[in-house]
C-alpha atoms as a PDB file:
ATOM      1  CA  ARG A   1     209.466 158.068  41.663  1.00  0.00           C
ATOM      2  CA  SER A   2     209.926 155.068  39.299  1.00  0.00           C
ATOM      3  CA  ASN A   3     206.663 153.744  40.445  1.00  0.00           C
ATOM      4  CA  LEU A   4     204.718 156.492  38.582  1.00  0.00           C
ATOM      5  CA  ILE A   5     205.976 156.210  35.062  1.00  0.00           C
ATOM      6  CA  PRO A   6     203.919 152.986  33.960  1.00  0.00           C
ATOM      7  CA  THR A   7     201.208 154.965  35.351  1.00  0.00           C
ATOM      8  CA  ILE A   8     202.023 158.195  33.435  1.00  0.00           C
ATOM      9  CA  LYS A   9     202.631 156.098  30.107  1.00  0.00           C
ATOM     10  CA  PHE A  10     199.278 154.217  30.664  1.00  0.00           C
ATOM     11  CA  ARG A  11     197.338 157.799  30.802  1.00  0.00           C
ATOM     12  CA  HIS A  12     198.841 158.882  27.895  1.00  0.00           C
ATOM     13  CA  ARG A  13     198.041 155.936  25.932  1.00  0.00           C
ATOM     14  CA  SER A  14     194.703 155.808  26.953  1.00  0.00           C
ATOM     15  CA  LEU A  15     194.256 159.393  25.984  1.00  0.00           C
ATOM     16  CA  LEU A  16     195.866 158.715  22.618  1.00  0.00           C
ATOM     17  CA  ARG A  17     193.307 155.878  22.123  1.00  0.00           C
ATOM     18  CA  ASN A  18     190.397 157.965  23.496  1.00  0.00           C
ATOM     19  CA  ARG A  19     191.354 160.632  20.641  1.00  0.00           C
ATOM     20  CA  ARG A  20     191.829 157.945  17.922  1.00  0.00           C
ATOM     21  CA  CYS A  21     188.194 156.783  18.752  1.00  0.00           C
ATOM     22  CA  THR A  22     186.609 160.312  18.779  1.00  0.00           C
ATOM     23  CA  THR A  23     188.287 161.361  15.668  1.00  0.00           C
ATOM     24  CA  THR A  24     187.023 158.115  13.826  1.00  0.00           C
ATOM     25  CA  CYS A  25     183.458 158.634  15.265  1.00  0.00           C
ATOM     26  CA  LEU A  26     183.464 162.135  14.148  1.00  0.00           C
ATOM     27  CA  CYS A  27     184.677 161.354  10.613  1.00  0.00           C
ATOM     28  CA  GLY A  28     182.203 158.077  10.119  1.00  0.00           C
ATOM     29  CA  ARG A  29     179.451 160.771  11.102  1.00  0.00           C
ATOM     30  CA  LEU A  30     180.573 163.364   8.526  1.00  0.00           C
ATOM     31  CA  LEU A  31     180.900 160.606   6.118  1.00  0.00           C
ATOM     32  CA  GLN A  32     176.956 159.693   6.820  1.00  0.00           C
ATOM     33  CA  ILE A  33     175.989 163.515   6.442  1.00  0.00           C
ATOM     34  CA  ARG A  34     177.884 163.793   3.055  1.00  0.00           C
ATOM     35  CA  ALA A  35     176.310 160.442   2.054  1.00  0.00           C
ATOM     36  CA  LEU A  36     172.884 162.347   2.942  1.00  0.00           C
ATOM     37  CA  ARG A  37     173.228 165.011   0.781  1.00  0.00           C
ATOM     38  CA  TRP A  38     173.993 162.790  -2.090  1.00  0.00           C
ATOM     39  CA  GLU A  39     170.813 160.637  -1.152  1.00  0.00           C
ATOM     40  CA  HIS A  40     167.795 163.544  -0.229  1.00  0.00           C
ATOM     41  CA  GLY A  41     169.672 166.456  -2.067  1.00  0.00           C
ATOM     42  CA  SER A  42     170.334 170.333  -0.758  1.00  0.00           C
ATOM     43  CA  VAL A  43     167.178 169.667   1.374  1.00  0.00           C
ATOM     44  CA  LEU A  44     167.274 167.514   4.178  1.00  0.00           C
ATOM     45  CA  PRO A  45     163.882 165.934   5.609  1.00  0.00           C
ATOM     46  CA  ASN A  46     162.714 167.355   9.291  1.00  0.00           C
ATOM     47  CA  ALA A  47     163.146 164.023  10.571  1.00  0.00           C
ATOM     48  CA  LEU A  48     166.638 164.434   9.706  1.00  0.00           C
ATOM     49  CA  TRP A  49     166.984 167.653  10.754  1.00  0.00           C
ATOM     50  CA  PHE A  50     165.593 166.991  14.473  1.00  0.00           C
ATOM     51  CA  HIS A  51     168.540 164.394  14.960  1.00  0.00           C
ATOM     52  CA  THR A  52     171.288 166.444  13.860  1.00  0.00           C
ATOM     53  CA  SER A  53     173.481 168.513  15.838  1.00  0.00           C
ATOM     54  CA  ALA A  54     174.415 172.104  15.267  1.00  0.00           C
ATOM     55  CA  GLU A  55     177.822 171.909  14.041  1.00  0.00           C
ATOM     56  CA  ALA A  56     176.936 168.863  11.760  1.00  0.00           C
ATOM     57  CA  MET A  57     174.146 170.995  10.079  1.00  0.00           C
ATOM     58  CA  GLU A  58     177.014 173.735   9.803  1.00  0.00           C
ATOM     59  CA  TRP A  59     179.306 171.124   8.262  1.00  0.00           C
ATOM     60  CA  PHE A  60     176.497 170.024   6.038  1.00  0.00           C
ATOM     61  CA  ASN A  61     175.799 173.498   5.100  1.00  0.00           C
ATOM     62  CA  CYS A  62     179.596 174.399   4.150  1.00  0.00           C
ATOM     63  CA  SER A  63     179.933 170.953   2.214  1.00  0.00           C
ATOM     64  CA  LYS A  64     176.489 171.979  -0.064  1.00  0.00           C
ATOM     65  CA  LYS A  65     178.023 175.444  -0.679  1.00  0.00           C
ATOM     66  CA  SER A  66     181.150 174.110  -1.504  1.00  0.00           C
ATOM     67  CA  LEU A  67     179.510 171.366  -3.974  1.00  0.00           C
ATOM     68  CA  ALA A  68     177.386 174.001  -5.497  1.00  0.00           C
ATOM     69  CA  ALA A  69     180.226 176.408  -6.260  1.00  0.00           C
ATOM     70  CA  TYR A  70     181.990 173.146  -8.166  1.00  0.00           C
ATOM     71  CA  VAL A  71     178.812 172.503  -9.945  1.00  0.00           C
ATOM     72  CA  ARG A  72     178.390 175.976 -11.072  1.00  0.00           C
ATOM     73  CA  SER A  73     182.295 175.891 -12.265  1.00  0.00           C
ATOM     74  CA  LEU A  74     181.668 172.847 -14.532  1.00  0.00           C
ATOM     75  CA  GLY A  75     179.861 173.301 -17.895  1.00  0.00           C
ATOM     76  CA  GLY A  76     180.096 176.700 -18.977  1.00  0.00           C
ATOM     77  CA  ASN A  77     177.708 179.520 -17.682  1.00  0.00           C
ATOM     78  CA  LYS A  78     174.787 177.176 -16.594  1.00  0.00           C
ATOM     79  CA  GLY A  79     176.886 174.483 -14.590  1.00  0.00           C
ATOM     80  CA  LEU A  80     176.642 170.711 -14.885  1.00  0.00           C
ATOM     81  CA  ASP A  81     174.912 169.260 -11.675  1.00  0.00           C
ATOM     82  CA  ILE A  82     176.567 166.282 -11.097  1.00  0.00           C
ATOM     83  CA  THR A  83     174.148 165.133  -8.191  1.00  0.00           C
ATOM     84  CA  GLN A  84     171.156 164.728 -10.503  1.00  0.00           C
ATOM     85  CA  ASP A  85     172.025 161.297 -12.059  1.00  0.00           C
ATOM     86  CA  MET A  86     172.836 158.865  -9.634  1.00  0.00           C
ATOM     87  CA  LYS A  87     172.435 156.075 -12.272  1.00  0.00           C
ATOM     88  CA  PRO A  88     172.709 156.547 -16.024  1.00  0.00           C
ATOM     89  CA  PRO A  89     169.146 156.632 -17.260  1.00  0.00           C
ATOM     90  CA  LYS A  90     167.838 154.132 -19.635  1.00  0.00           C
ATOM     91  CA  ARG A  91     165.247 156.651 -21.342  1.00  0.00           C
ATOM     92  CA  LEU A  92     165.188 160.465 -21.524  1.00  0.00           C
ATOM     93  CA  TYR A  93     161.850 160.567 -20.298  1.00  0.00           C
ATOM     94  CA  ILE A  94     160.078 158.827 -17.487  1.00  0.00           C
ATOM     95  CA  GLU A  95     156.198 158.275 -16.162  1.00  0.00           C
ATOM     96  CA  VAL A  96     155.848 159.536 -12.776  1.00  0.00           C
ATOM     97  CA  GLN A  97     153.156 159.639 -10.004  1.00  0.00           C
ATOM     98  CA  CYS A  98     153.020 162.383  -7.470  1.00  0.00           C
ATOM     99  CA  LEU A  99     153.111 161.341  -3.855  1.00  0.00           C
ATOM    100  CA  LYS A 100     152.433 164.472  -2.296  1.00  0.00           C
ATOM    101  CA  ASP A 101     151.047 167.890  -3.289  1.00  0.00           C
ATOM    102  CA  TYR A 102     154.340 169.975  -4.579  1.00  0.00           C
ATOM    103  CA  GLY A 103     152.487 172.772  -6.767  1.00  0.00           C
ATOM    104  CA  GLU A 104     154.010 174.263 -10.176  1.00  0.00           C
ATOM    105  CA  PHE A 105     157.124 172.497 -11.461  1.00  0.00           C
ATOM    106  CA  GLU A 106     158.696 174.118 -14.353  1.00  0.00           C
ATOM    107  CA  VAL A 107     160.531 171.981 -16.851  1.00  0.00           C
ATOM    108  CA  ASP A 108     163.742 172.934 -18.864  1.00  0.00           C
ATOM    109  CA  ASP A 109     161.681 173.627 -21.764  1.00  0.00           C
ATOM    110  CA  GLY A 110     159.807 176.316 -20.100  1.00  0.00           C
ATOM    111  CA  THR A 111     156.367 173.995 -19.537  1.00  0.00           C
ATOM    112  CA  SER A 112     155.197 174.111 -16.231  1.00  0.00           C
ATOM    113  CA  VAL A 113     153.197 171.293 -14.650  1.00  0.00           C
ATOM    114  CA  ILE A 114     151.348 171.430 -11.593  1.00  0.00           C
ATOM    115  CA  LEU A 115     152.344 168.270  -9.454  1.00  0.00           C
ATOM    116  CA  ARG A 116     149.212 167.088  -7.188  1.00  0.00           C
ATOM    117  CA  THR A 117     148.907 164.035  -5.429  1.00  0.00           C
ATOM    118  CA  SER A 118     148.049 161.083  -7.498  1.00  0.00           C
ATOM    119  CA  SER A 119     148.556 162.632 -10.669  1.00  0.00           C
ATOM    120  CA  GLN A 120     150.840 161.245 -13.326  1.00  0.00           C
ATOM    121  CA  HIS A 121     153.258 163.008 -15.720  1.00  0.00           C
ATOM    122  CA  VAL A 122     155.770 162.143 -18.189  1.00  0.00           C
ATOM    123  CA  LEU A 123     159.001 164.283 -17.177  1.00  0.00           C
ATOM    124  CA  PRO A 124     162.645 164.255 -18.149  1.00  0.00           C
ATOM    125  CA  CYS A 125     164.506 161.703 -16.183  1.00  0.00           C
ATOM    126  CA  TRP A 126     167.211 164.074 -15.117  1.00  0.00           C
ATOM    127  CA  GLN A 127     164.651 166.869 -13.992  1.00  0.00           C
ATOM    128  CA  CYS A 128     162.619 164.747 -11.583  1.00  0.00           C
ATOM    129  CA  GLU A 129     164.990 162.384 -10.111  1.00  0.00           C
ATOM    130  CA  GLN A 130     165.406 164.768  -7.340  1.00  0.00           C
ATOM    131  CA  LEU A 131     161.941 164.737  -6.589  1.00  0.00           C
ATOM    132  CA  ILE A 132     162.081 161.066  -6.501  1.00  0.00           C
ATOM    133  CA  ARG A 133     164.753 160.952  -3.869  1.00  0.00           C
ATOM    134  CA  GLN A 134     162.900 163.327  -1.645  1.00  0.00           C
ATOM    135  CA  GLY A 135     159.850 161.356  -1.830  1.00  0.00           C
ATOM    136  CA  ILE A 136     157.692 163.763  -3.925  1.00  0.00           C
ATOM    137  CA  LEU A 137     157.574 161.810  -6.983  1.00  0.00           C
ATOM    138  CA  GLU A 138     157.378 158.007  -7.777  1.00  0.00           C
ATOM    139  CA  HIS A 139     158.494 156.329 -10.951  1.00  0.00           C
ATOM    140  CA  VAL A 140     155.897 154.184 -12.341  1.00  0.00           C
ATOM    141  CA  LEU A 141     156.994 151.145 -14.109  1.00  0.00           C
ATOM    142  CA  SER A 142     155.091 150.209 -17.254  1.00  0.00           C
END
């Protein structure tokens, strides 16, 4: 009987170590998914969807809804989108070039712009940052 105790302790410690490693791995993956939300916005590219498990996408969607509810609670009835400006803008308007056909894009002042491949536009910085991160627009350095 006494010779089984070291074996039981070893097995128990191995199970605890495996649990710690698994938890650390899962936490790291969830942090990566959260970073993808800030980098790509609320819609992930198809290549990322393909390599993500159903449980991870469920967590992403719940996290996205929670962030959206928080954003709506800020800044009165319109909300304050804290995901737009990752860096403070140097100018209010920037010149952008469209890399992909996107279609009609409505600016806050009510004007509409048709975003077609290779077309260039001057748009409010905070409104096109999300499209720049998604690879639809590219900032033209002047």
